[in-house]
Amino acid sequence: MKKRIFSDIKVPHASFKDDFMRTDPWRIFRIMSEFVEGFEGLSGIKNGVSFFGSKMVKPKHPYYKLAYKTAHLLSKRGYSVITGAGPGVMEAANRGCFDAKGASVGLNILIPEQQTPNPYINYLLEFSYFFVRKVMFTKYSCAFVVLPGGYGTLDELFEALALIQTHRIDPIPVVLVDSSYWQGLIDWLNQTLIKKGTLTKQDLDLFKIVDTPRDALGAIQSFYKKGRKLSAKRKKK
């Protein structure tokens, strides 16, 4: 992998009062530039695992420690770690990877409430558009690891599942960590969506729930032992 320090790339800050951002034809060029920079910048990332989870947790929180240990273990086994570059679970995952001397990637989002990238990233890209950023997570990940989080985490989780369910991307392991946190959601899927016929039981096979870093690693390895090819890039159809 050719090492490139993405933090050296100068990406203009989004100005939400700027006429440029309010003019649709010119906005297209900004979107195109973010796709080009993303594809070029992440092309060397191998075996990326995207981590999603709450930005609210602090270093002493159990979820922070769980994310750190999981990322550290995966990095020791040759996986790169990709996060949204922020604090909380994102920082913990980048930190675990950084300490394991792995490729620690951050995809920062430029929003009015400024998010400063955490200091444990050695490959950084910044985006003004959430949907471009989501494409990068999907395209360059061979697995998703989802820890407890809020609206943003659920958005990323369900978009990934929808893309897999509709065959818009090749299947990848989606691993939910901490069964006690996710059990209420699983009960709701079973008791409401499946019961009402808006989801099938097979759709629940699109993800796995685990409780430990080693189980998360095992779920990813087991997925690819079934004959699926481990790829650094995902195809969007």
C-alpha atoms as a PDB file:
ATOM      1  CA  MET A   1       0.000   0.000   0.000  1.00  0.00           C
ATOM      2  CA  LYS A   2       1.386   3.373  -0.957  1.00  0.00           C
ATOM      3  CA  LYS A   3       1.375   5.478   2.187  1.00  0.00           C
ATOM      4  CA  ARG A   4      -0.091   8.902   1.840  1.00  0.00           C
ATOM      5  CA  ILE A   5      -0.823  11.361   4.617  1.00  0.00           C
ATOM      6  CA  PHE A   6      -4.306  12.531   3.738  1.00  0.00           C
ATOM      7  CA  SER A   7      -4.172  15.261   6.348  1.00  0.00           C
ATOM      8  CA  ASP A   8      -1.846  17.091   3.920  1.00  0.00           C
ATOM      9  CA  ILE A   9      -4.736  17.440   1.469  1.00  0.00           C
ATOM     10  CA  LYS A  10      -6.292  20.879   1.741  1.00  0.00           C
ATOM     11  CA  VAL A  11     -10.065  20.638   1.498  1.00  0.00           C
ATOM     12  CA  PRO A  12     -11.955  23.956   1.700  1.00  0.00           C
ATOM     13  CA  HIS A  13     -14.335  24.316   4.616  1.00  0.00           C
ATOM     14  CA  ALA A  14     -17.996  24.223   3.725  1.00  0.00           C
ATOM     15  CA  SER A  15     -19.668  27.599   4.006  1.00  0.00           C
ATOM     16  CA  PHE A  16     -23.378  27.254   4.391  1.00  0.00           C
ATOM     17  CA  LYS A  17     -23.892  30.914   3.433  1.00  0.00           C
ATOM     18  CA  ASP A  18     -21.711  30.706   0.360  1.00  0.00           C
ATOM     19  CA  ASP A  19     -23.445  31.233  -2.973  1.00  0.00           C
ATOM     20  CA  PHE A  20     -21.273  28.471  -4.413  1.00  0.00           C
ATOM     21  CA  MET A  21     -22.942  25.934  -2.139  1.00  0.00           C
ATOM     22  CA  ARG A  22     -26.380  27.306  -2.938  1.00  0.00           C
ATOM     23  CA  THR A  23     -26.044  27.118  -6.721  1.00  0.00           C
ATOM     24  CA  ASP A  24     -26.915  23.648  -7.964  1.00  0.00           C
ATOM     25  CA  PRO A  25     -24.870  23.549 -11.222  1.00  0.00           C
ATOM     26  CA  TRP A  26     -21.697  24.548  -9.370  1.00  0.00           C
ATOM     27  CA  ARG A  27     -22.530  22.221  -6.505  1.00  0.00           C
ATOM     28  CA  ILE A  28     -22.177  19.312  -8.949  1.00  0.00           C
ATOM     29  CA  PHE A  29     -18.503  20.144  -9.440  1.00  0.00           C
ATOM     30  CA  ARG A  30     -17.926  20.190  -5.686  1.00  0.00           C
ATOM     31  CA  ILE A  31     -19.597  16.783  -5.387  1.00  0.00           C
ATOM     32  CA  MET A  32     -17.496  15.430  -8.252  1.00  0.00           C
ATOM     33  CA  SER A  33     -14.301  16.715  -6.654  1.00  0.00           C
ATOM     34  CA  GLU A  34     -15.144  14.964  -3.377  1.00  0.00           C
ATOM     35  CA  PHE A  35     -15.716  11.677  -5.198  1.00  0.00           C
ATOM     36  CA  VAL A  36     -12.432  12.033  -7.098  1.00  0.00           C
ATOM     37  CA  GLU A  37     -10.448  12.892  -3.964  1.00  0.00           C
ATOM     38  CA  GLY A  38     -12.096  10.040  -2.070  1.00  0.00           C
ATOM     39  CA  PHE A  39     -11.462   7.427  -4.740  1.00  0.00           C
ATOM     40  CA  GLU A  40      -7.877   8.558  -5.235  1.00  0.00           C
ATOM     41  CA  GLY A  41      -7.115   8.938  -1.558  1.00  0.00           C
ATOM     42  CA  LEU A  42      -8.524   5.600  -0.428  1.00  0.00           C
ATOM     43  CA  SER A  43      -7.408   3.490  -3.378  1.00  0.00           C
ATOM     44  CA  GLY A  44      -4.497   2.044  -1.404  1.00  0.00           C
ATOM     45  CA  ILE A  45      -6.501   0.978   1.650  1.00  0.00           C
ATOM     46  CA  LYS A  46      -6.512  -2.798   2.111  1.00  0.00           C
ATOM     47  CA  ASN A  47      -9.041  -4.866   4.040  1.00  0.00           C
ATOM     48  CA  GLY A  48     -10.818  -1.861   5.496  1.00  0.00           C
ATOM     49  CA  VAL A  49     -13.249  -2.311   8.375  1.00  0.00           C
ATOM     50  CA  SER A  50     -15.565   0.602   9.075  1.00  0.00           C
ATOM     51  CA  PHE A  51     -16.430   1.276  12.706  1.00  0.00           C
ATOM     52  CA  PHE A  52     -19.646   3.091  13.609  1.00  0.00           C
ATOM     53  CA  GLY A  53     -20.826   4.160  17.051  1.00  0.00           C
ATOM     54  CA  SER A  54     -21.618   7.021  19.386  1.00  0.00           C
ATOM     55  CA  LYS A  55     -19.474  10.143  19.418  1.00  0.00           C
ATOM     56  CA  MET A  56     -20.632  10.836  22.985  1.00  0.00           C
ATOM     57  CA  VAL A  57     -18.695   8.224  24.957  1.00  0.00           C
ATOM     58  CA  LYS A  58     -15.526   9.123  26.869  1.00  0.00           C
ATOM     59  CA  PRO A  59     -12.299   7.097  27.240  1.00  0.00           C
ATOM     60  CA  LYS A  60     -13.402   5.481  30.508  1.00  0.00           C
ATOM     61  CA  HIS A  61     -16.741   4.348  29.098  1.00  0.00           C
ATOM     62  CA  PRO A  62     -17.133   0.581  28.443  1.00  0.00           C
ATOM     63  CA  TYR A  63     -18.134   1.229  24.815  1.00  0.00           C
ATOM     64  CA  TYR A  64     -14.950   3.236  24.222  1.00  0.00           C
ATOM     65  CA  LYS A  65     -12.846   0.423  25.662  1.00  0.00           C
ATOM     66  CA  LEU A  66     -14.742  -2.162  23.612  1.00  0.00           C
ATOM     67  CA  ALA A  67     -14.183  -0.226  20.386  1.00  0.00           C
ATOM     68  CA  TYR A  68     -10.490   0.240  21.203  1.00  0.00           C
ATOM     69  CA  LYS A  69      -9.898  -3.448  21.901  1.00  0.00           C
ATOM     70  CA  THR A  70     -11.823  -4.573  18.818  1.00  0.00           C
ATOM     71  CA  ALA A  71      -9.968  -2.211  16.485  1.00  0.00           C
ATOM     72  CA  HIS A  72      -6.622  -3.106  18.051  1.00  0.00           C
ATOM     73  CA  LEU A  73      -7.245  -6.826  17.540  1.00  0.00           C
ATOM     74  CA  LEU A  74      -8.424  -6.409  13.953  1.00  0.00           C
ATOM     75  CA  SER A  75      -5.438  -4.213  13.124  1.00  0.00           C
ATOM     76  CA  LYS A  76      -3.051  -6.821  14.488  1.00  0.00           C
ATOM     77  CA  ARG A  77      -4.672  -9.286  12.091  1.00  0.00           C
ATOM     78  CA  GLY A  78      -4.022  -7.075   9.060  1.00  0.00           C
ATOM     79  CA  TYR A  79      -7.211  -5.036   8.788  1.00  0.00           C
ATOM     80  CA  SER A  80      -7.319  -1.290   8.271  1.00  0.00           C
ATOM     81  CA  VAL A  81      -9.760   0.725  10.372  1.00  0.00           C
ATOM     82  CA  ILE A  82     -12.023   3.384   8.882  1.00  0.00           C
ATOM     83  CA  THR A  83     -14.121   5.751  11.014  1.00  0.00           C
ATOM     84  CA  GLY A  84     -15.950   9.046  10.751  1.00  0.00           C
ATOM     85  CA  ALA A  85     -12.877  10.710  12.330  1.00  0.00           C
ATOM     86  CA  GLY A  86     -14.715  12.156  15.327  1.00  0.00           C
ATOM     87  CA  PRO A  87     -14.625  11.521  19.089  1.00  0.00           C
ATOM     88  CA  GLY A  88     -16.171   8.698  21.114  1.00  0.00           C
ATOM     89  CA  VAL A  89     -16.300   5.283  19.454  1.00  0.00           C
ATOM     90  CA  MET A  90     -14.635   6.709  16.351  1.00  0.00           C
ATOM     91  CA  GLU A  91     -11.667   7.959  18.357  1.00  0.00           C
ATOM     92  CA  ALA A  92     -11.446   4.684  20.256  1.00  0.00           C
ATOM     93  CA  ALA A  93     -11.325   2.637  17.045  1.00  0.00           C
ATOM     94  CA  ASN A  94      -8.731   4.900  15.432  1.00  0.00           C
ATOM     95  CA  ARG A  95      -6.710   4.822  18.636  1.00  0.00           C
ATOM     96  CA  GLY A  96      -6.754   1.032  18.827  1.00  0.00           C
ATOM     97  CA  CYS A  97      -5.609   0.780  15.230  1.00  0.00           C
ATOM     98  CA  PHE A  98      -2.997   3.525  15.672  1.00  0.00           C
ATOM     99  CA  ASP A  99      -1.516   1.799  18.722  1.00  0.00           C
ATOM    100  CA  ALA A 100      -1.390  -1.460  16.771  1.00  0.00           C
ATOM    101  CA  LYS A 101       0.525   0.394  14.039  1.00  0.00           C
ATOM    102  CA  GLY A 102      -2.217  -0.223  11.491  1.00  0.00           C
ATOM    103  CA  ALA A 103      -3.687   2.020   8.799  1.00  0.00           C
ATOM    104  CA  SER A 104      -5.995   4.314  10.778  1.00  0.00           C
ATOM    105  CA  VAL A 105      -8.346   6.158   8.415  1.00  0.00           C
ATOM    106  CA  GLY A 106     -10.699   9.019   9.223  1.00  0.00           C
ATOM    107  CA  LEU A 107     -13.436  10.374   6.957  1.00  0.00           C
ATOM    108  CA  ASN A 108     -14.328  13.675   8.558  1.00  0.00           C
ATOM    109  CA  ILE A 109     -17.544  15.571   7.819  1.00  0.00           C
ATOM    110  CA  LEU A 110     -17.600  19.365   7.579  1.00  0.00           C
ATOM    111  CA  ILE A 111     -20.771  20.519   9.293  1.00  0.00           C
ATOM    112  CA  PRO A 112     -21.851  23.752  11.040  1.00  0.00           C
ATOM    113  CA  GLU A 113     -21.122  22.160  14.418  1.00  0.00           C
ATOM    114  CA  GLN A 114     -17.418  21.724  13.724  1.00  0.00           C
ATOM    115  CA  GLN A 115     -16.065  18.217  14.218  1.00  0.00           C
ATOM    116  CA  THR A 116     -12.332  18.207  14.872  1.00  0.00           C
ATOM    117  CA  PRO A 117     -10.649  14.984  13.693  1.00  0.00           C
ATOM    118  CA  ASN A 118      -9.303  12.894  16.535  1.00  0.00           C
ATOM    119  CA  PRO A 119      -5.488  12.693  16.894  1.00  0.00           C
ATOM    120  CA  TYR A 120      -5.188   8.947  16.170  1.00  0.00           C
ATOM    121  CA  ILE A 121      -5.640   9.158  12.403  1.00  0.00           C
ATOM    122  CA  ASN A 122      -2.782   8.755   9.978  1.00  0.00           C
ATOM    123  CA  TYR A 123      -4.941   8.948   6.831  1.00  0.00           C
ATOM    124  CA  LEU A 124      -7.539  11.751   6.748  1.00  0.00           C
ATOM    125  CA  LEU A 125     -10.067  12.926   4.175  1.00  0.00           C
ATOM    126  CA  GLU A 126     -12.740  15.565   4.710  1.00  0.00           C
ATOM    127  CA  PHE A 127     -16.180  15.800   3.114  1.00  0.00           C
ATOM    128  CA  SER A 128     -18.947  18.361   2.873  1.00  0.00           C
ATOM    129  CA  TYR A 129     -21.535  15.812   1.724  1.00  0.00           C
ATOM    130  CA  PHE A 130     -22.722  12.942   3.877  1.00  0.00           C
ATOM    131  CA  PHE A 131     -23.745  10.826   0.883  1.00  0.00           C
ATOM    132  CA  VAL A 132     -20.271  11.021  -0.701  1.00  0.00           C
ATOM    133  CA  ARG A 133     -18.740  10.043   2.621  1.00  0.00           C
ATOM    134  CA  LYS A 134     -21.122   7.079   2.886  1.00  0.00           C
ATOM    135  CA  VAL A 135     -20.042   5.844  -0.533  1.00  0.00           C
ATOM    136  CA  MET A 136     -16.434   5.819   0.674  1.00  0.00           C
ATOM    137  CA  PHE A 137     -17.329   3.773   3.752  1.00  0.00           C
ATOM    138  CA  THR A 138     -19.140   1.251   1.591  1.00  0.00           C
ATOM    139  CA  LYS A 139     -16.705   1.053  -1.294  1.00  0.00           C
ATOM    140  CA  TYR A 140     -13.555   0.594   0.768  1.00  0.00           C
ATOM    141  CA  SER A 141     -14.819  -1.683   3.553  1.00  0.00           C
ATOM    142  CA  CYS A 142     -14.776  -5.463   3.690  1.00  0.00           C
ATOM    143  CA  ALA A 143     -16.787  -5.383   6.942  1.00  0.00           C
ATOM    144  CA  PHE A 144     -18.819  -3.065   9.153  1.00  0.00           C
ATOM    145  CA  VAL A 145     -18.458  -3.145  12.933  1.00  0.00           C
ATOM    146  CA  VAL A 146     -21.334  -1.334  14.626  1.00  0.00           C
ATOM    147  CA  LEU A 147     -21.136  -0.385  18.289  1.00  0.00           C
ATOM    148  CA  PRO A 148     -23.838   1.349  20.353  1.00  0.00           C
ATOM    149  CA  GLY A 149     -24.801   4.704  18.927  1.00  0.00           C
ATOM    150  CA  GLY A 150     -27.609   7.077  18.025  1.00  0.00           C
ATOM    151  CA  TYR A 151     -29.295   8.329  14.861  1.00  0.00           C
ATOM    152  CA  GLY A 152     -26.104   8.524  12.824  1.00  0.00           C
ATOM    153  CA  THR A 153     -25.073   4.989  13.744  1.00  0.00           C
ATOM    154  CA  LEU A 154     -28.534   3.619  12.956  1.00  0.00           C
ATOM    155  CA  ASP A 155     -28.561   5.476   9.643  1.00  0.00           C
ATOM    156  CA  GLU A 156     -25.253   3.924   8.627  1.00  0.00           C
ATOM    157  CA  LEU A 157     -26.311   0.482   9.826  1.00  0.00           C
ATOM    158  CA  PHE A 158     -29.637   0.380   8.006  1.00  0.00           C
ATOM    159  CA  GLU A 159     -28.254   1.868   4.806  1.00  0.00           C
ATOM    160  CA  ALA A 160     -25.599  -0.862   4.722  1.00  0.00           C
ATOM    161  CA  LEU A 161     -28.212  -3.558   5.327  1.00  0.00           C
ATOM    162  CA  ALA A 162     -30.505  -2.102   2.647  1.00  0.00           C
ATOM    163  CA  LEU A 163     -27.677  -2.073   0.086  1.00  0.00           C
ATOM    164  CA  ILE A 164     -26.853  -5.706   0.847  1.00  0.00           C
ATOM    165  CA  GLN A 165     -30.525  -6.763   0.917  1.00  0.00           C
ATOM    166  CA  THR A 166     -31.200  -5.189  -2.492  1.00  0.00           C
ATOM    167  CA  HIS A 167     -27.945  -6.544  -3.999  1.00  0.00           C
ATOM    168  CA  ARG A 168     -26.614  -3.090  -4.721  1.00  0.00           C
ATOM    169  CA  ILE A 169     -23.301  -4.110  -3.160  1.00  0.00           C
ATOM    170  CA  ASP A 170     -21.661  -7.485  -2.649  1.00  0.00           C
ATOM    171  CA  PRO A 171     -22.448  -9.032   0.749  1.00  0.00           C
ATOM    172  CA  ILE A 172     -20.093  -8.137   3.581  1.00  0.00           C
ATOM    173  CA  PRO A 173     -20.207  -9.016   7.283  1.00  0.00           C
ATOM    174  CA  VAL A 174     -22.150  -6.529   9.384  1.00  0.00           C
ATOM    175  CA  VAL A 175     -21.243  -7.106  13.029  1.00  0.00           C
ATOM    176  CA  LEU A 176     -23.226  -5.534  15.872  1.00  0.00           C
ATOM    177  CA  VAL A 177     -21.244  -5.430  19.113  1.00  0.00           C
ATOM    178  CA  ASP A 178     -22.886  -5.669  22.592  1.00  0.00           C
ATOM    179  CA  SER A 179     -26.010  -7.825  22.485  1.00  0.00           C
ATOM    180  CA  SER A 180     -27.524  -6.110  25.535  1.00  0.00           C
ATOM    181  CA  TYR A 181     -27.662  -2.832  23.602  1.00  0.00           C
ATOM    182  CA  TRP A 182     -29.066  -4.278  20.384  1.00  0.00           C
ATOM    183  CA  GLN A 183     -31.507  -6.813  21.809  1.00  0.00           C
ATOM    184  CA  GLY A 184     -34.411  -4.348  22.006  1.00  0.00           C
ATOM    185  CA  LEU A 185     -33.990  -3.514  18.342  1.00  0.00           C
ATOM    186  CA  ILE A 186     -33.883  -7.189  17.397  1.00  0.00           C
ATOM    187  CA  ASP A 187     -37.048  -7.833  19.424  1.00  0.00           C
ATOM    188  CA  TRP A 188     -38.783  -4.995  17.574  1.00  0.00           C
ATOM    189  CA  LEU A 189     -37.682  -6.336  14.184  1.00  0.00           C
ATOM    190  CA  ASN A 190     -39.031  -9.760  15.109  1.00  0.00           C
ATOM    191  CA  GLN A 191     -42.234  -8.724  16.835  1.00  0.00           C
ATOM    192  CA  THR A 192     -43.261  -5.892  14.558  1.00  0.00           C
ATOM    193  CA  LEU A 193     -41.592  -5.902  11.124  1.00  0.00           C
ATOM    194  CA  ILE A 194     -41.528  -9.650  10.596  1.00  0.00           C
ATOM    195  CA  LYS A 195     -44.947 -10.117  12.192  1.00  0.00           C
ATOM    196  CA  LYS A 196     -46.432  -7.397   9.946  1.00  0.00           C
ATOM    197  CA  GLY A 197     -44.754  -8.845   6.872  1.00  0.00           C
ATOM    198  CA  THR A 198     -42.500  -5.871   6.103  1.00  0.00           C
ATOM    199  CA  LEU A 199     -39.335  -7.885   6.739  1.00  0.00           C
ATOM    200  CA  THR A 200     -38.470 -11.567   6.337  1.00  0.00           C
ATOM    201  CA  LYS A 201     -36.667 -13.802   8.799  1.00  0.00           C
ATOM    202  CA  GLN A 202     -33.907 -14.231   6.224  1.00  0.00           C
ATOM    203  CA  ASP A 203     -33.229 -10.501   6.407  1.00  0.00           C
ATOM    204  CA  LEU A 204     -32.052 -10.963   9.982  1.00  0.00           C
ATOM    205  CA  ASP A 205     -29.248 -13.153   8.647  1.00  0.00           C
ATOM    206  CA  LEU A 206     -27.631 -10.083   7.085  1.00  0.00           C
ATOM    207  CA  PHE A 207     -25.929  -9.227  10.377  1.00  0.00           C
ATOM    208  CA  LYS A 208     -24.378 -10.930  13.377  1.00  0.00           C
ATOM    209  CA  ILE A 209     -24.474  -9.894  17.035  1.00  0.00           C
ATOM    210  CA  VAL A 210     -21.414 -10.442  19.224  1.00  0.00           C
ATOM    211  CA  ASP A 211     -20.164  -9.335  22.628  1.00  0.00           C
ATOM    212  CA  THR A 212     -16.362  -9.482  22.507  1.00  0.00           C
ATOM    213  CA  PRO A 213     -13.574  -8.260  20.216  1.00  0.00           C
ATOM    214  CA  ARG A 214     -12.543 -11.841  19.524  1.00  0.00           C
ATOM    215  CA  ASP A 215     -16.101 -12.738  18.518  1.00  0.00           C
ATOM    216  CA  ALA A 216     -16.176  -9.742  16.170  1.00  0.00           C
ATOM    217  CA  LEU A 217     -12.972 -10.936  14.518  1.00  0.00           C
ATOM    218  CA  GLY A 218     -14.372 -14.465  14.357  1.00  0.00           C
ATOM    219  CA  ALA A 219     -17.571 -13.289  12.666  1.00  0.00           C
ATOM    220  CA  ILE A 220     -15.583 -11.522   9.951  1.00  0.00           C
ATOM    221  CA  GLN A 221     -13.204 -14.429   9.421  1.00  0.00           C
ATOM    222  CA  SER A 222     -16.055 -16.930   9.365  1.00  0.00           C
ATOM    223  CA  PHE A 223     -17.872 -14.911   6.707  1.00  0.00           C
ATOM    224  CA  TYR A 224     -14.891 -15.047   4.364  1.00  0.00           C
ATOM    225  CA  LYS A 225     -14.073 -18.673   5.117  1.00  0.00           C
ATOM    226  CA  LYS A 226     -17.346 -19.572   3.411  1.00  0.00           C
ATOM    227  CA  GLY A 227     -15.767 -18.933   0.029  1.00  0.00           C
ATOM    228  CA  ARG A 228     -16.325 -15.213  -0.249  1.00  0.00           C
ATOM    229  CA  LYS A 229     -13.378 -13.221  -1.498  1.00  0.00           C
ATOM    230  CA  LEU A 230     -11.850 -10.636   0.804  1.00  0.00           C
ATOM    231  CA  SER A 231     -11.596  -7.445  -1.201  1.00  0.00           C
ATOM    232  CA  ALA A 232     -10.324  -4.011  -0.354  1.00  0.00           C
ATOM    233  CA  LYS A 233     -12.991  -2.383  -2.506  1.00  0.00           C
ATOM    234  CA  ARG A 234     -16.731  -2.965  -2.716  1.00  0.00           C
ATOM    235  CA  LYS A 235     -18.561  -2.782  -6.000  1.00  0.00           C
ATOM    236  CA  LYS A 236     -21.532  -0.457  -6.167  1.00  0.00           C
ATOM    237  CA  LYS A 237     -23.755  -1.676  -8.981  1.00  0.00           C
END
